[in-house]
N, C-alpha and C. Protein backbone atom coordinates (compact mmCIF):
# COMPACT_ATOMS: atom_id res chain seq x y z
N UNK A 1 -7.52 39.93 -36.15
CA UNK A 1 -8.57 39.27 -35.39
C UNK A 1 -9.91 39.56 -36.08
N UNK A 2 -10.68 38.52 -36.32
CA UNK A 2 -12.01 38.64 -36.91
C UNK A 2 -13.04 38.32 -35.83
N UNK A 3 -13.36 39.30 -35.02
CA UNK A 3 -14.25 39.10 -33.88
C UNK A 3 -15.70 38.95 -34.33
N UNK A 4 -16.33 37.85 -33.89
CA UNK A 4 -17.74 37.60 -34.17
C UNK A 4 -18.41 37.35 -32.82
N UNK A 5 -19.43 38.14 -32.51
CA UNK A 5 -20.18 37.97 -31.27
C UNK A 5 -21.49 37.28 -31.61
N UNK A 6 -21.71 36.13 -30.98
CA UNK A 6 -22.88 35.31 -31.26
C UNK A 6 -23.71 35.12 -30.00
N UNK A 7 -25.03 35.14 -30.17
CA UNK A 7 -25.90 34.87 -29.04
C UNK A 7 -25.84 33.38 -28.72
N UNK A 8 -25.83 33.07 -27.43
CA UNK A 8 -25.85 31.68 -27.00
C UNK A 8 -24.46 31.11 -26.82
N UNK A 9 -24.40 29.78 -26.84
CA UNK A 9 -23.13 29.10 -26.69
C UNK A 9 -22.92 28.49 -25.31
N UNK A 10 -23.92 28.55 -24.46
CA UNK A 10 -23.75 28.08 -23.09
C UNK A 10 -23.49 26.58 -22.99
N UNK A 11 -23.71 25.84 -24.07
CA UNK A 11 -23.43 24.40 -24.05
C UNK A 11 -22.10 24.05 -24.69
N UNK A 12 -21.42 25.06 -25.25
CA UNK A 12 -20.12 24.80 -25.90
C UNK A 12 -19.07 24.55 -24.82
N UNK A 13 -18.26 23.51 -24.96
CA UNK A 13 -17.28 23.19 -23.91
C UNK A 13 -16.29 24.32 -23.62
N UNK A 14 -15.89 25.09 -24.63
CA UNK A 14 -14.97 26.20 -24.39
C UNK A 14 -15.65 27.31 -23.59
N UNK A 15 -16.93 27.55 -23.86
CA UNK A 15 -17.68 28.55 -23.10
C UNK A 15 -17.84 28.09 -21.66
N UNK A 16 -18.19 26.83 -21.49
CA UNK A 16 -18.35 26.28 -20.13
C UNK A 16 -17.05 26.43 -19.35
N UNK A 17 -15.92 26.13 -19.99
CA UNK A 17 -14.62 26.24 -19.32
C UNK A 17 -14.29 27.69 -18.97
N UNK A 18 -14.55 28.62 -19.89
CA UNK A 18 -14.25 30.03 -19.61
C UNK A 18 -15.15 30.56 -18.49
N UNK A 19 -16.41 30.17 -18.51
CA UNK A 19 -17.32 30.60 -17.43
C UNK A 19 -16.91 30.00 -16.09
N UNK A 20 -16.41 28.78 -16.12
CA UNK A 20 -15.91 28.17 -14.88
C UNK A 20 -14.72 28.98 -14.35
N UNK A 21 -13.82 29.38 -15.22
CA UNK A 21 -12.68 30.22 -14.83
C UNK A 21 -13.17 31.53 -14.25
N UNK A 22 -14.12 32.17 -14.93
CA UNK A 22 -14.68 33.44 -14.46
C UNK A 22 -15.29 33.29 -13.07
N UNK A 23 -16.13 32.31 -12.90
CA UNK A 23 -16.82 32.08 -11.64
C UNK A 23 -15.83 31.75 -10.52
N UNK A 24 -14.88 30.86 -10.81
CA UNK A 24 -13.90 30.43 -9.81
C UNK A 24 -13.00 31.59 -9.38
N UNK A 25 -12.52 32.36 -10.34
CA UNK A 25 -11.65 33.51 -10.00
C UNK A 25 -12.40 34.56 -9.20
N UNK A 26 -13.62 34.86 -9.64
CA UNK A 26 -14.41 35.88 -8.93
C UNK A 26 -14.62 35.47 -7.48
N UNK A 27 -14.90 34.20 -7.26
CA UNK A 27 -15.14 33.74 -5.90
C UNK A 27 -13.84 33.59 -5.11
N UNK A 28 -12.72 33.34 -5.80
CA UNK A 28 -11.43 33.20 -5.12
C UNK A 28 -10.88 34.53 -4.63
N UNK A 29 -11.12 35.60 -5.39
CA UNK A 29 -10.52 36.89 -5.04
C UNK A 29 -11.48 37.80 -4.27
N UNK A 30 -12.73 37.38 -4.13
CA UNK A 30 -13.75 38.22 -3.50
C UNK A 30 -14.14 37.61 -2.16
N UNK A 31 -14.22 38.43 -1.12
CA UNK A 31 -14.63 37.90 0.18
C UNK A 31 -16.00 37.21 0.11
N UNK A 32 -16.15 36.18 0.93
CA UNK A 32 -17.40 35.41 0.96
C UNK A 32 -18.61 36.34 1.13
N UNK A 33 -19.62 36.08 0.31
CA UNK A 33 -20.85 36.86 0.36
C UNK A 33 -20.84 38.09 -0.53
N UNK A 34 -19.68 38.41 -1.13
CA UNK A 34 -19.58 39.60 -1.96
C UNK A 34 -19.43 39.29 -3.45
N UNK A 35 -19.28 38.02 -3.82
CA UNK A 35 -19.14 37.65 -5.23
C UNK A 35 -20.52 37.42 -5.81
N UNK A 36 -20.79 38.06 -6.95
CA UNK A 36 -22.11 37.98 -7.57
C UNK A 36 -22.06 37.38 -8.98
N UNK A 37 -20.95 36.72 -9.31
CA UNK A 37 -20.84 36.07 -10.62
C UNK A 37 -21.84 34.92 -10.70
N UNK A 38 -22.53 34.84 -11.82
CA UNK A 38 -23.51 33.78 -12.01
C UNK A 38 -22.82 32.50 -12.48
N UNK A 39 -23.32 31.37 -12.02
CA UNK A 39 -22.84 30.10 -12.54
C UNK A 39 -23.60 29.79 -13.83
N UNK A 40 -23.28 28.66 -14.43
CA UNK A 40 -23.87 28.30 -15.72
C UNK A 40 -25.40 28.25 -15.65
N UNK A 41 -25.94 27.65 -14.61
CA UNK A 41 -27.40 27.57 -14.51
C UNK A 41 -28.02 28.95 -14.35
N UNK A 42 -27.35 29.85 -13.64
CA UNK A 42 -27.85 31.22 -13.47
C UNK A 42 -27.91 31.96 -14.79
N UNK A 43 -26.96 31.68 -15.67
CA UNK A 43 -26.93 32.35 -16.98
C UNK A 43 -27.98 31.81 -17.93
N UNK A 44 -28.59 30.68 -17.59
CA UNK A 44 -29.65 30.11 -18.43
C UNK A 44 -31.03 30.62 -18.05
N UNK A 45 -31.11 31.54 -17.10
CA UNK A 45 -32.40 32.09 -16.67
C UNK A 45 -33.08 32.81 -17.84
N UNK A 46 -34.40 32.80 -17.88
CA UNK A 46 -35.13 33.42 -19.00
C UNK A 46 -34.87 34.92 -19.17
N UNK A 47 -34.54 35.63 -18.10
CA UNK A 47 -34.32 37.07 -18.19
C UNK A 47 -32.93 37.43 -18.70
N UNK A 48 -32.11 36.43 -18.98
CA UNK A 48 -30.72 36.68 -19.37
C UNK A 48 -30.48 36.28 -20.82
N UNK A 49 -29.82 37.19 -21.56
CA UNK A 49 -29.34 36.90 -22.90
C UNK A 49 -27.82 36.83 -22.81
N UNK A 50 -27.26 35.76 -23.34
CA UNK A 50 -25.82 35.49 -23.23
C UNK A 50 -25.19 35.53 -24.61
N UNK A 51 -23.98 36.10 -24.68
CA UNK A 51 -23.22 36.13 -25.93
C UNK A 51 -21.81 35.61 -25.70
N UNK A 52 -21.24 35.04 -26.76
CA UNK A 52 -19.84 34.63 -26.75
C UNK A 52 -19.15 35.28 -27.94
N UNK A 53 -17.89 35.64 -27.74
CA UNK A 53 -17.10 36.31 -28.78
C UNK A 53 -16.02 35.36 -29.29
N UNK A 54 -15.95 35.25 -30.59
CA UNK A 54 -15.07 34.26 -31.23
C UNK A 54 -14.19 34.90 -32.31
N UNK A 55 -13.01 34.31 -32.49
CA UNK A 55 -12.16 34.56 -33.65
C UNK A 55 -11.96 33.19 -34.28
N UNK A 56 -12.76 32.89 -35.28
CA UNK A 56 -12.77 31.53 -35.83
C UNK A 56 -13.28 30.56 -34.78
N UNK A 57 -12.43 29.60 -34.42
CA UNK A 57 -12.83 28.62 -33.41
C UNK A 57 -12.29 28.97 -32.02
N UNK A 58 -11.62 30.11 -31.90
CA UNK A 58 -11.05 30.52 -30.62
C UNK A 58 -12.04 31.40 -29.85
N UNK A 59 -12.40 30.96 -28.67
CA UNK A 59 -13.27 31.75 -27.81
C UNK A 59 -12.46 32.88 -27.17
N UNK A 60 -12.93 34.11 -27.35
CA UNK A 60 -12.21 35.27 -26.83
C UNK A 60 -12.85 35.87 -25.58
N UNK A 61 -14.16 35.76 -25.46
CA UNK A 61 -14.81 36.37 -24.31
C UNK A 61 -16.29 36.06 -24.26
N UNK A 62 -16.90 36.47 -23.15
CA UNK A 62 -18.33 36.26 -22.94
C UNK A 62 -18.92 37.48 -22.25
N UNK A 63 -20.24 37.58 -22.32
CA UNK A 63 -20.94 38.65 -21.62
C UNK A 63 -22.44 38.38 -21.69
N UNK A 64 -23.19 39.02 -20.80
CA UNK A 64 -24.63 38.78 -20.75
C UNK A 64 -25.37 40.05 -20.36
N UNK A 65 -26.64 40.06 -20.70
CA UNK A 65 -27.55 41.14 -20.34
C UNK A 65 -28.73 40.54 -19.60
N UNK A 66 -28.94 41.02 -18.38
CA UNK A 66 -30.09 40.58 -17.60
C UNK A 66 -31.14 41.68 -17.65
N UNK A 67 -32.36 41.31 -18.02
CA UNK A 67 -33.46 42.27 -18.02
C UNK A 67 -34.02 42.34 -16.60
N UNK A 68 -33.76 43.45 -15.92
CA UNK A 68 -34.30 43.66 -14.57
C UNK A 68 -35.76 44.08 -14.68
N UNK A 69 -36.03 44.94 -15.64
CA UNK A 69 -37.37 45.41 -15.95
C UNK A 69 -37.35 45.80 -17.43
N UNK A 70 -38.48 46.17 -18.00
CA UNK A 70 -38.47 46.55 -19.42
C UNK A 70 -37.53 47.73 -19.73
N UNK A 71 -37.27 48.59 -18.76
CA UNK A 71 -36.43 49.75 -19.04
C UNK A 71 -35.08 49.76 -18.30
N UNK A 72 -34.75 48.65 -17.63
CA UNK A 72 -33.49 48.59 -16.87
C UNK A 72 -32.84 47.23 -17.06
N UNK A 73 -31.58 47.25 -17.50
CA UNK A 73 -30.82 46.02 -17.69
C UNK A 73 -29.57 46.01 -16.84
N UNK A 74 -29.01 44.82 -16.69
CA UNK A 74 -27.78 44.65 -15.92
C UNK A 74 -26.76 43.88 -16.75
N UNK A 75 -25.54 44.39 -16.82
CA UNK A 75 -24.43 43.69 -17.45
C UNK A 75 -23.99 42.58 -16.51
N UNK A 76 -23.89 41.36 -17.02
CA UNK A 76 -23.49 40.21 -16.21
C UNK A 76 -22.38 39.44 -16.93
N UNK A 77 -21.55 38.81 -16.14
CA UNK A 77 -20.59 37.81 -16.61
C UNK A 77 -19.68 38.24 -17.75
N UNK A 78 -19.24 39.49 -17.71
CA UNK A 78 -18.25 39.94 -18.69
C UNK A 78 -16.92 39.29 -18.32
N UNK A 79 -16.32 38.60 -19.28
CA UNK A 79 -15.01 37.99 -19.03
C UNK A 79 -14.31 37.79 -20.37
N UNK A 80 -13.05 38.19 -20.42
CA UNK A 80 -12.23 38.00 -21.62
C UNK A 80 -11.19 36.93 -21.32
N UNK A 81 -11.00 36.01 -22.25
CA UNK A 81 -9.99 34.96 -22.10
C UNK A 81 -8.62 35.62 -21.91
N UNK A 82 -7.82 35.03 -21.06
CA UNK A 82 -6.50 35.58 -20.73
C UNK A 82 -5.69 35.93 -21.98
N UNK A 83 -5.65 35.04 -22.95
CA UNK A 83 -4.85 35.25 -24.17
C UNK A 83 -5.39 36.37 -25.06
N UNK A 84 -6.63 36.78 -24.83
CA UNK A 84 -7.25 37.80 -25.69
C UNK A 84 -7.31 39.18 -25.03
N UNK A 85 -6.76 39.30 -23.84
CA UNK A 85 -6.86 40.57 -23.12
C UNK A 85 -6.03 41.65 -23.80
N UNK A 86 -6.50 42.89 -23.66
CA UNK A 86 -5.85 44.08 -24.23
C UNK A 86 -5.92 44.10 -25.75
N UNK A 87 -6.93 43.43 -26.30
CA UNK A 87 -7.12 43.40 -27.75
C UNK A 87 -8.48 43.96 -28.15
N UNK A 88 -9.20 44.55 -27.20
CA UNK A 88 -10.48 45.17 -27.52
C UNK A 88 -11.69 44.27 -27.42
N UNK A 89 -11.50 43.04 -26.96
CA UNK A 89 -12.61 42.09 -26.87
C UNK A 89 -13.65 42.56 -25.86
N UNK A 90 -13.20 42.95 -24.66
CA UNK A 90 -14.13 43.41 -23.63
C UNK A 90 -14.90 44.63 -24.08
N UNK A 91 -14.22 45.57 -24.72
CA UNK A 91 -14.89 46.78 -25.21
C UNK A 91 -15.92 46.42 -26.28
N UNK A 92 -15.58 45.51 -27.18
CA UNK A 92 -16.53 45.10 -28.22
C UNK A 92 -17.75 44.42 -27.60
N UNK A 93 -17.52 43.55 -26.62
CA UNK A 93 -18.65 42.89 -25.97
C UNK A 93 -19.51 43.90 -25.23
N UNK A 94 -18.89 44.84 -24.54
CA UNK A 94 -19.67 45.84 -23.81
C UNK A 94 -20.49 46.70 -24.78
N UNK A 95 -19.90 47.12 -25.88
CA UNK A 95 -20.66 47.88 -26.89
C UNK A 95 -21.83 47.06 -27.42
N UNK A 96 -21.61 45.77 -27.60
CA UNK A 96 -22.67 44.88 -28.08
C UNK A 96 -23.82 44.82 -27.06
N UNK A 97 -23.49 44.68 -25.80
CA UNK A 97 -24.52 44.62 -24.74
C UNK A 97 -25.26 45.95 -24.65
N UNK A 98 -24.53 47.06 -24.72
CA UNK A 98 -25.18 48.38 -24.69
C UNK A 98 -26.13 48.51 -25.88
N UNK A 99 -25.69 48.09 -27.06
CA UNK A 99 -26.54 48.16 -28.24
C UNK A 99 -27.80 47.30 -28.10
N UNK A 100 -27.64 46.11 -27.52
CA UNK A 100 -28.80 45.24 -27.32
C UNK A 100 -29.78 45.86 -26.33
N UNK A 101 -29.26 46.46 -25.27
CA UNK A 101 -30.13 47.12 -24.28
C UNK A 101 -30.89 48.28 -24.93
N UNK A 102 -30.19 49.07 -25.73
CA UNK A 102 -30.86 50.18 -26.43
C UNK A 102 -31.93 49.66 -27.39
N UNK A 103 -31.61 48.60 -28.13
CA UNK A 103 -32.56 48.04 -29.10
C UNK A 103 -33.81 47.52 -28.41
N UNK A 104 -33.69 47.13 -27.15
CA UNK A 104 -34.85 46.65 -26.39
C UNK A 104 -35.60 47.79 -25.71
N UNK A 105 -35.13 49.02 -25.92
CA UNK A 105 -35.81 50.17 -25.35
C UNK A 105 -35.48 50.44 -23.89
N UNK A 106 -34.40 49.86 -23.41
CA UNK A 106 -34.01 50.10 -22.03
C UNK A 106 -33.49 51.52 -21.86
N UNK A 107 -33.79 52.13 -20.74
CA UNK A 107 -33.35 53.50 -20.46
C UNK A 107 -32.07 53.53 -19.63
N UNK A 108 -31.78 52.39 -18.98
CA UNK A 108 -30.63 52.37 -18.07
C UNK A 108 -30.01 50.99 -18.07
N UNK A 109 -28.69 50.97 -17.96
CA UNK A 109 -27.92 49.73 -17.86
C UNK A 109 -27.03 49.86 -16.65
N UNK A 110 -27.06 48.89 -15.76
CA UNK A 110 -26.28 48.95 -14.52
C UNK A 110 -25.42 47.70 -14.40
N UNK A 111 -24.50 47.72 -13.44
CA UNK A 111 -23.64 46.57 -13.20
C UNK A 111 -23.06 46.64 -11.80
N UNK A 112 -22.58 45.50 -11.35
CA UNK A 112 -21.83 45.39 -10.10
C UNK A 112 -20.51 44.74 -10.44
N UNK A 113 -19.43 45.29 -9.90
CA UNK A 113 -18.11 44.70 -10.04
C UNK A 113 -17.35 44.90 -8.74
N UNK A 114 -16.20 44.29 -8.63
CA UNK A 114 -15.42 44.40 -7.40
C UNK A 114 -14.83 45.78 -7.22
N UNK A 115 -14.57 46.12 -5.98
CA UNK A 115 -14.04 47.45 -5.66
C UNK A 115 -12.53 47.46 -5.44
N UNK A 116 -11.87 46.31 -5.56
CA UNK A 116 -10.45 46.27 -5.25
C UNK A 116 -9.62 46.11 -6.53
N UNK A 117 -8.29 46.08 -6.38
CA UNK A 117 -7.37 46.17 -7.51
C UNK A 117 -7.61 45.13 -8.62
N UNK A 118 -7.96 43.92 -8.27
CA UNK A 118 -8.17 42.88 -9.28
C UNK A 118 -9.19 43.33 -10.32
N UNK A 119 -10.19 44.10 -9.89
CA UNK A 119 -11.26 44.55 -10.79
C UNK A 119 -11.03 45.95 -11.36
N UNK A 120 -9.87 46.55 -11.11
CA UNK A 120 -9.59 47.90 -11.64
C UNK A 120 -9.70 47.97 -13.16
N UNK A 121 -9.18 46.98 -13.91
CA UNK A 121 -9.35 47.06 -15.38
C UNK A 121 -10.82 47.04 -15.80
N UNK A 122 -11.64 46.27 -15.11
CA UNK A 122 -13.07 46.24 -15.44
C UNK A 122 -13.71 47.59 -15.17
N UNK A 123 -13.41 48.18 -14.02
CA UNK A 123 -13.99 49.50 -13.70
C UNK A 123 -13.54 50.54 -14.72
N UNK A 124 -12.29 50.48 -15.15
CA UNK A 124 -11.78 51.43 -16.14
C UNK A 124 -12.50 51.24 -17.48
N UNK A 125 -12.74 50.00 -17.88
CA UNK A 125 -13.46 49.73 -19.13
C UNK A 125 -14.87 50.32 -19.06
N UNK A 126 -15.57 50.07 -17.96
CA UNK A 126 -16.93 50.57 -17.83
C UNK A 126 -16.95 52.11 -17.82
N UNK A 127 -16.03 52.71 -17.10
CA UNK A 127 -15.97 54.18 -17.04
C UNK A 127 -15.67 54.76 -18.42
N UNK A 128 -14.80 54.11 -19.18
CA UNK A 128 -14.46 54.59 -20.52
C UNK A 128 -15.67 54.56 -21.46
N UNK A 129 -16.68 53.76 -21.11
CA UNK A 129 -17.90 53.68 -21.92
C UNK A 129 -19.06 54.45 -21.31
N UNK A 130 -18.73 55.33 -20.35
CA UNK A 130 -19.72 56.25 -19.81
C UNK A 130 -20.42 55.82 -18.54
N UNK A 131 -20.11 54.65 -18.01
CA UNK A 131 -20.72 54.22 -16.75
C UNK A 131 -20.17 55.06 -15.61
N UNK A 132 -21.05 55.41 -14.68
CA UNK A 132 -20.65 56.17 -13.49
C UNK A 132 -21.09 55.39 -12.26
N UNK A 133 -20.41 55.65 -11.15
CA UNK A 133 -20.77 54.96 -9.92
C UNK A 133 -22.16 55.37 -9.47
N UNK A 134 -22.85 54.42 -8.85
CA UNK A 134 -24.22 54.65 -8.39
C UNK A 134 -24.45 53.86 -7.11
N UNK A 135 -25.61 54.02 -6.57
CA UNK A 135 -26.02 53.25 -5.39
C UNK A 135 -26.37 51.82 -5.81
N UNK A 136 -26.38 50.90 -4.86
CA UNK A 136 -26.82 49.53 -5.19
C UNK A 136 -28.21 49.54 -5.81
N UNK A 137 -28.47 48.61 -6.68
CA UNK A 137 -29.74 48.51 -7.39
C UNK A 137 -30.27 47.08 -7.28
N UNK A 138 -31.52 46.92 -7.58
CA UNK A 138 -32.20 45.62 -7.75
C UNK A 138 -31.71 44.50 -6.82
N UNK A 139 -31.91 44.68 -5.55
CA UNK A 139 -31.61 43.62 -4.60
C UNK A 139 -30.20 43.59 -4.05
N UNK A 140 -29.29 44.37 -4.64
CA UNK A 140 -27.94 44.45 -4.08
C UNK A 140 -27.99 45.30 -2.81
N UNK A 141 -27.04 45.07 -1.93
CA UNK A 141 -26.93 45.86 -0.71
C UNK A 141 -25.58 46.57 -0.71
N UNK A 142 -25.47 47.67 0.01
CA UNK A 142 -24.16 48.32 0.12
C UNK A 142 -23.12 47.31 0.58
N UNK A 143 -21.95 47.33 -0.06
CA UNK A 143 -20.89 46.37 0.24
C UNK A 143 -19.56 47.04 -0.10
N UNK A 144 -18.64 47.14 0.85
CA UNK A 144 -17.36 47.77 0.55
C UNK A 144 -16.54 47.02 -0.50
N UNK A 145 -16.92 45.78 -0.80
CA UNK A 145 -16.21 44.99 -1.80
C UNK A 145 -16.81 45.13 -3.20
N UNK A 146 -17.89 45.90 -3.31
CA UNK A 146 -18.57 46.07 -4.59
C UNK A 146 -18.55 47.52 -5.04
N UNK A 147 -18.47 47.69 -6.35
CA UNK A 147 -18.68 48.99 -6.98
C UNK A 147 -19.88 48.82 -7.90
N UNK A 148 -20.84 49.73 -7.75
CA UNK A 148 -22.05 49.71 -8.58
C UNK A 148 -21.92 50.86 -9.58
N UNK A 149 -22.26 50.57 -10.83
CA UNK A 149 -22.13 51.56 -11.88
C UNK A 149 -23.38 51.53 -12.75
N UNK A 150 -23.67 52.66 -13.40
CA UNK A 150 -24.85 52.74 -14.26
C UNK A 150 -24.56 53.63 -15.46
N UNK A 151 -25.33 53.43 -16.51
CA UNK A 151 -25.22 54.19 -17.74
C UNK A 151 -26.63 54.54 -18.21
N UNK A 152 -26.89 55.81 -18.42
CA UNK A 152 -28.17 56.22 -19.01
C UNK A 152 -28.11 55.95 -20.50
N UNK A 153 -29.12 55.31 -21.02
CA UNK A 153 -29.17 54.99 -22.44
C UNK A 153 -30.02 55.97 -23.23
N UNK A 154 -30.45 57.04 -22.58
CA UNK A 154 -31.27 58.05 -23.25
C UNK A 154 -30.42 59.18 -23.77
């Protein structure tokens, strides 16, 4: 696999389809009011930088970084294509997002993910990269369906 992570791609049909899958699944498995996956228009917000991961012409995954403030970022819309799972794509994308946050001088990177079994692989990935559970941040409220995690970049 020759993984290439590129900024942008939100207009590519394969990216649009993968994001639709991500958004639809997140909302299907998460109780109403607890899903925080961004739709395509949400990912086009000025505070968000979006990346897509490719092996040639095959889309393997996506991920984004939302600038909450100059020193605090949020991981958004991490999703690996079904056929590419367990091949290190998610870990590569997460390392890329962490590197981008550090390069921007951010001191902290946070995220919200589901608290139930469907999201267990995501929580394990984040924990393996040093994220620890934390209180809700930046407008989130306590929710038994959410797990909040953070990583100090200092």
